[in-house]
Amino acid sequence: MPSFVVQEHHATHLHYDFRLEVGGVLTSWAVPKGPSINPSVKRFAIQVGDHALEYGSFEGIIPEGRYGAGKVLIWDEGRYEPLADMESGLKDGNIMFCLFGNRLKGEFALVRFKKSQTGKEWLLIKK
């Protein structure tokens, strides 16, 4: 099963980096309020650049003057099971998966806003 990680990122503003291993990289979203385990709560997530798989184990300080400067902590990590083809789901704007983490467990979806101007605005939803 592929891996996932959620990193608590104390940059300019606290947010959570939600990363799924897809196609040999960590496909990533910044989630300002962090993931929710409440199915009635949908979290805004902005898709950001892919990261190397090795970045999934990073904890530490990104120095001032570098992009993303600030403290990074692993908030949750584990494996996930895709519930549909991830690569086509990324293209279509609807991916479904089951997380097996320490904090996050169960079925989740990432759904792209239909009227997204940039194509990078998604919702992270606990099923």
C-alpha atoms as a PDB file:
ATOM      1  CA  MET A   1       0.000   0.000   0.000  1.00  0.00           C
ATOM      2  CA  PRO A   2       1.235   3.525  -0.717  1.00  0.00           C
ATOM      3  CA  SER A   3       2.072   5.939   2.084  1.00  0.00           C
ATOM      4  CA  PHE A   4       0.555   9.180   3.295  1.00  0.00           C
ATOM      5  CA  VAL A   5       1.767  11.826   5.718  1.00  0.00           C
ATOM      6  CA  VAL A   6       0.280  14.935   7.307  1.00  0.00           C
ATOM      7  CA  GLN A   7       2.875  17.487   8.399  1.00  0.00           C
ATOM      8  CA  GLU A   8       2.023  20.317  10.784  1.00  0.00           C
ATOM      9  CA  HIS A   9       3.773  23.309   9.234  1.00  0.00           C
ATOM     10  CA  HIS A  10       4.427  26.424  11.297  1.00  0.00           C
ATOM     11  CA  ALA A  11       5.250  28.745   8.396  1.00  0.00           C
ATOM     12  CA  THR A  12       3.903  32.280   7.921  1.00  0.00           C
ATOM     13  CA  HIS A  13       0.540  30.782   8.937  1.00  0.00           C
ATOM     14  CA  LEU A  14       0.002  27.420  10.631  1.00  0.00           C
ATOM     15  CA  HIS A  15      -1.331  24.867   8.160  1.00  0.00           C
ATOM     16  CA  TYR A  16      -1.143  21.151   7.541  1.00  0.00           C
ATOM     17  CA  ASP A  17       0.503  19.571   4.503  1.00  0.00           C
ATOM     18  CA  PHE A  18      -1.500  16.516   3.412  1.00  0.00           C
ATOM     19  CA  ARG A  19       0.562  14.244   1.167  1.00  0.00           C
ATOM     20  CA  LEU A  20      -0.367  11.062  -0.708  1.00  0.00           C
ATOM     21  CA  GLU A  21       2.136   8.842  -2.496  1.00  0.00           C
ATOM     22  CA  VAL A  22       1.002   8.723  -6.131  1.00  0.00           C
ATOM     23  CA  GLY A  23       3.170   7.760  -9.094  1.00  0.00           C
ATOM     24  CA  GLY A  24       6.457   7.830  -7.171  1.00  0.00           C
ATOM     25  CA  VAL A  25       5.999  11.288  -5.603  1.00  0.00           C
ATOM     26  CA  LEU A  26       4.060  12.849  -2.737  1.00  0.00           C
ATOM     27  CA  THR A  27       1.098  14.652  -4.280  1.00  0.00           C
ATOM     28  CA  SER A  28       0.423  17.465  -1.819  1.00  0.00           C
ATOM     29  CA  TRP A  29      -2.234  19.830  -0.530  1.00  0.00           C
ATOM     30  CA  ALA A  30      -1.998  22.602   2.077  1.00  0.00           C
ATOM     31  CA  VAL A  31      -4.952  22.315   4.469  1.00  0.00           C
ATOM     32  CA  PRO A  32      -5.216  25.537   6.525  1.00  0.00           C
ATOM     33  CA  LYS A  33      -7.341  24.104   9.362  1.00  0.00           C
ATOM     34  CA  GLY A  34      -6.025  20.551   9.163  1.00  0.00           C
ATOM     35  CA  PRO A  35      -7.920  17.350   8.366  1.00  0.00           C
ATOM     36  CA  SER A  36     -11.161  16.616  10.211  1.00  0.00           C
ATOM     37  CA  ILE A  37     -12.485  13.227  11.294  1.00  0.00           C
ATOM     38  CA  ASN A  38     -16.036  14.639  11.394  1.00  0.00           C
ATOM     39  CA  PRO A  39     -17.915  13.711   8.176  1.00  0.00           C
ATOM     40  CA  SER A  40     -20.007  16.900   8.384  1.00  0.00           C
ATOM     41  CA  VAL A  41     -16.873  19.090   8.228  1.00  0.00           C
ATOM     42  CA  LYS A  42     -15.303  19.710   4.824  1.00  0.00           C
ATOM     43  CA  ARG A  43     -11.808  21.201   4.831  1.00  0.00           C
ATOM     44  CA  PHE A  44     -10.465  23.532   2.166  1.00  0.00           C
ATOM     45  CA  ALA A  45      -7.265  22.171   0.597  1.00  0.00           C
ATOM     46  CA  ILE A  46      -5.077  23.912  -1.975  1.00  0.00           C
ATOM     47  CA  GLN A  47      -3.003  21.652  -4.192  1.00  0.00           C
ATOM     48  CA  VAL A  48       0.685  22.522  -4.100  1.00  0.00           C
ATOM     49  CA  GLY A  49       3.716  21.088  -5.865  1.00  0.00           C
ATOM     50  CA  ASP A  50       4.643  17.444  -5.625  1.00  0.00           C
ATOM     51  CA  HIS A  51       7.413  16.489  -3.205  1.00  0.00           C
ATOM     52  CA  ALA A  52       9.969  13.686  -3.289  1.00  0.00           C
ATOM     53  CA  LEU A  53       9.005  10.595  -1.279  1.00  0.00           C
ATOM     54  CA  GLU A  54      11.896  11.243   1.101  1.00  0.00           C
ATOM     55  CA  TYR A  55      10.236  14.468   2.243  1.00  0.00           C
ATOM     56  CA  GLY A  56       7.493  12.413   3.920  1.00  0.00           C
ATOM     57  CA  SER A  57       9.770  11.664   6.867  1.00  0.00           C
ATOM     58  CA  PHE A  58      10.974  15.266   7.295  1.00  0.00           C
ATOM     59  CA  GLU A  59      10.648  16.916  10.678  1.00  0.00           C
ATOM     60  CA  GLY A  60      12.672  19.962  11.558  1.00  0.00           C
ATOM     61  CA  ILE A  61      13.187  23.611  10.793  1.00  0.00           C
ATOM     62  CA  ILE A  62      13.161  25.108   7.306  1.00  0.00           C
ATOM     63  CA  PRO A  63      15.561  28.079   7.661  1.00  0.00           C
ATOM     64  CA  GLU A  64      14.469  31.707   7.313  1.00  0.00           C
ATOM     65  CA  GLY A  65      14.819  32.973   3.757  1.00  0.00           C
ATOM     66  CA  ARG A  66      13.827  29.626   2.227  1.00  0.00           C
ATOM     67  CA  TYR A  67      10.396  28.808   0.835  1.00  0.00           C
ATOM     68  CA  GLY A  68       8.165  27.441   3.618  1.00  0.00           C
ATOM     69  CA  ALA A  69      10.457  28.656   6.403  1.00  0.00           C
ATOM     70  CA  GLY A  70       9.354  27.415   9.815  1.00  0.00           C
ATOM     71  CA  LYS A  71       8.956  24.332  11.958  1.00  0.00           C
ATOM     72  CA  VAL A  72       7.618  21.077  10.442  1.00  0.00           C
ATOM     73  CA  LEU A  73       6.275  18.202  12.570  1.00  0.00           C
ATOM     74  CA  ILE A  74       4.758  14.902  11.484  1.00  0.00           C
ATOM     75  CA  TRP A  75       1.145  15.095  12.688  1.00  0.00           C
ATOM     76  CA  ASP A  76       0.095  11.723  11.249  1.00  0.00           C
ATOM     77  CA  GLU A  77       1.444   9.090   8.878  1.00  0.00           C
ATOM     78  CA  GLY A  78       0.636   5.658   7.613  1.00  0.00           C
ATOM     79  CA  ARG A  79      -0.563   3.778   4.574  1.00  0.00           C
ATOM     80  CA  TYR A  80      -3.587   4.233   2.397  1.00  0.00           C
ATOM     81  CA  GLU A  81      -5.647   2.136   0.042  1.00  0.00           C
ATOM     82  CA  PRO A  82      -6.853   3.821  -3.156  1.00  0.00           C
ATOM     83  CA  LEU A  83     -10.580   3.216  -3.689  1.00  0.00           C
ATOM     84  CA  ALA A  84     -10.328   4.176  -7.370  1.00  0.00           C
ATOM     85  CA  ASP A  85      -7.522   4.913  -9.822  1.00  0.00           C
ATOM     86  CA  MET A  86      -5.584   7.793  -8.241  1.00  0.00           C
ATOM     87  CA  GLU A  87      -4.010   9.243 -11.381  1.00  0.00           C
ATOM     88  CA  SER A  88      -7.286   9.479 -13.300  1.00  0.00           C
ATOM     89  CA  GLY A  89      -8.986  10.757 -10.126  1.00  0.00           C
ATOM     90  CA  LEU A  90      -6.429  13.554  -9.907  1.00  0.00           C
ATOM     91  CA  LYS A  91      -7.175  14.520 -13.506  1.00  0.00           C
ATOM     92  CA  ASP A  92     -10.944  14.285 -12.988  1.00  0.00           C
ATOM     93  CA  GLY A  93     -10.870  16.107  -9.638  1.00  0.00           C
ATOM     94  CA  ASN A  94     -12.248  13.328  -7.444  1.00  0.00           C
ATOM     95  CA  ILE A  95     -10.060  10.882  -5.536  1.00  0.00           C
ATOM     96  CA  MET A  96     -11.188   8.422  -2.889  1.00  0.00           C
ATOM     97  CA  PHE A  97      -9.023   6.495  -0.479  1.00  0.00           C
ATOM     98  CA  CYS A  98      -8.988   4.747   2.894  1.00  0.00           C
ATOM     99  CA  LEU A  99      -6.389   5.955   5.407  1.00  0.00           C
ATOM    100  CA  PHE A 100      -4.664   3.695   7.915  1.00  0.00           C
ATOM    101  CA  GLY A 101      -2.869   6.218  10.133  1.00  0.00           C
ATOM    102  CA  ASN A 102      -2.437   6.838  13.826  1.00  0.00           C
ATOM    103  CA  ARG A 103      -4.989   9.688  13.894  1.00  0.00           C
ATOM    104  CA  LEU A 104      -6.712   9.451  10.531  1.00  0.00           C
ATOM    105  CA  LYS A 105      -8.555   6.233   9.806  1.00  0.00           C
ATOM    106  CA  GLY A 106     -11.263   5.377   7.333  1.00  0.00           C
ATOM    107  CA  GLU A 107     -12.521   6.605   3.997  1.00  0.00           C
ATOM    108  CA  PHE A 108     -11.754  10.100   2.742  1.00  0.00           C
ATOM    109  CA  ALA A 109     -12.158  11.966  -0.524  1.00  0.00           C
ATOM    110  CA  LEU A 110     -10.516  14.954  -2.151  1.00  0.00           C
ATOM    111  CA  VAL A 111     -12.872  16.749  -4.532  1.00  0.00           C
ATOM    112  CA  ARG A 112     -11.808  19.666  -6.735  1.00  0.00           C
ATOM    113  CA  PHE A 113     -14.048  22.726  -6.805  1.00  0.00           C
ATOM    114  CA  LYS A 114     -16.103  22.643 -10.000  1.00  0.00           C
ATOM    115  CA  LYS A 115     -15.706  26.404 -10.497  1.00  0.00           C
ATOM    116  CA  SER A 116     -12.030  26.513  -9.559  1.00  0.00           C
ATOM    117  CA  GLN A 117     -10.190  29.295 -11.363  1.00  0.00           C
ATOM    118  CA  THR A 118      -6.771  27.700 -10.890  1.00  0.00           C
ATOM    119  CA  GLY A 119      -7.736  24.012 -10.685  1.00  0.00           C
ATOM    120  CA  LYS A 120      -5.941  23.806  -7.339  1.00  0.00           C
ATOM    121  CA  GLU A 121      -8.858  24.323  -4.922  1.00  0.00           C
ATOM    122  CA  TRP A 122     -10.154  21.096  -3.368  1.00  0.00           C
ATOM    123  CA  LEU A 123     -12.184  19.898  -0.387  1.00  0.00           C
ATOM    124  CA  LEU A 124     -10.877  17.175   1.931  1.00  0.00           C
ATOM    125  CA  ILE A 125     -13.852  15.185   3.209  1.00  0.00           C
ATOM    126  CA  LYS A 126     -14.141  12.336   5.741  1.00  0.00           C
ATOM    127  CA  LYS A 127     -16.694   9.807   4.479  1.00  0.00           C
END
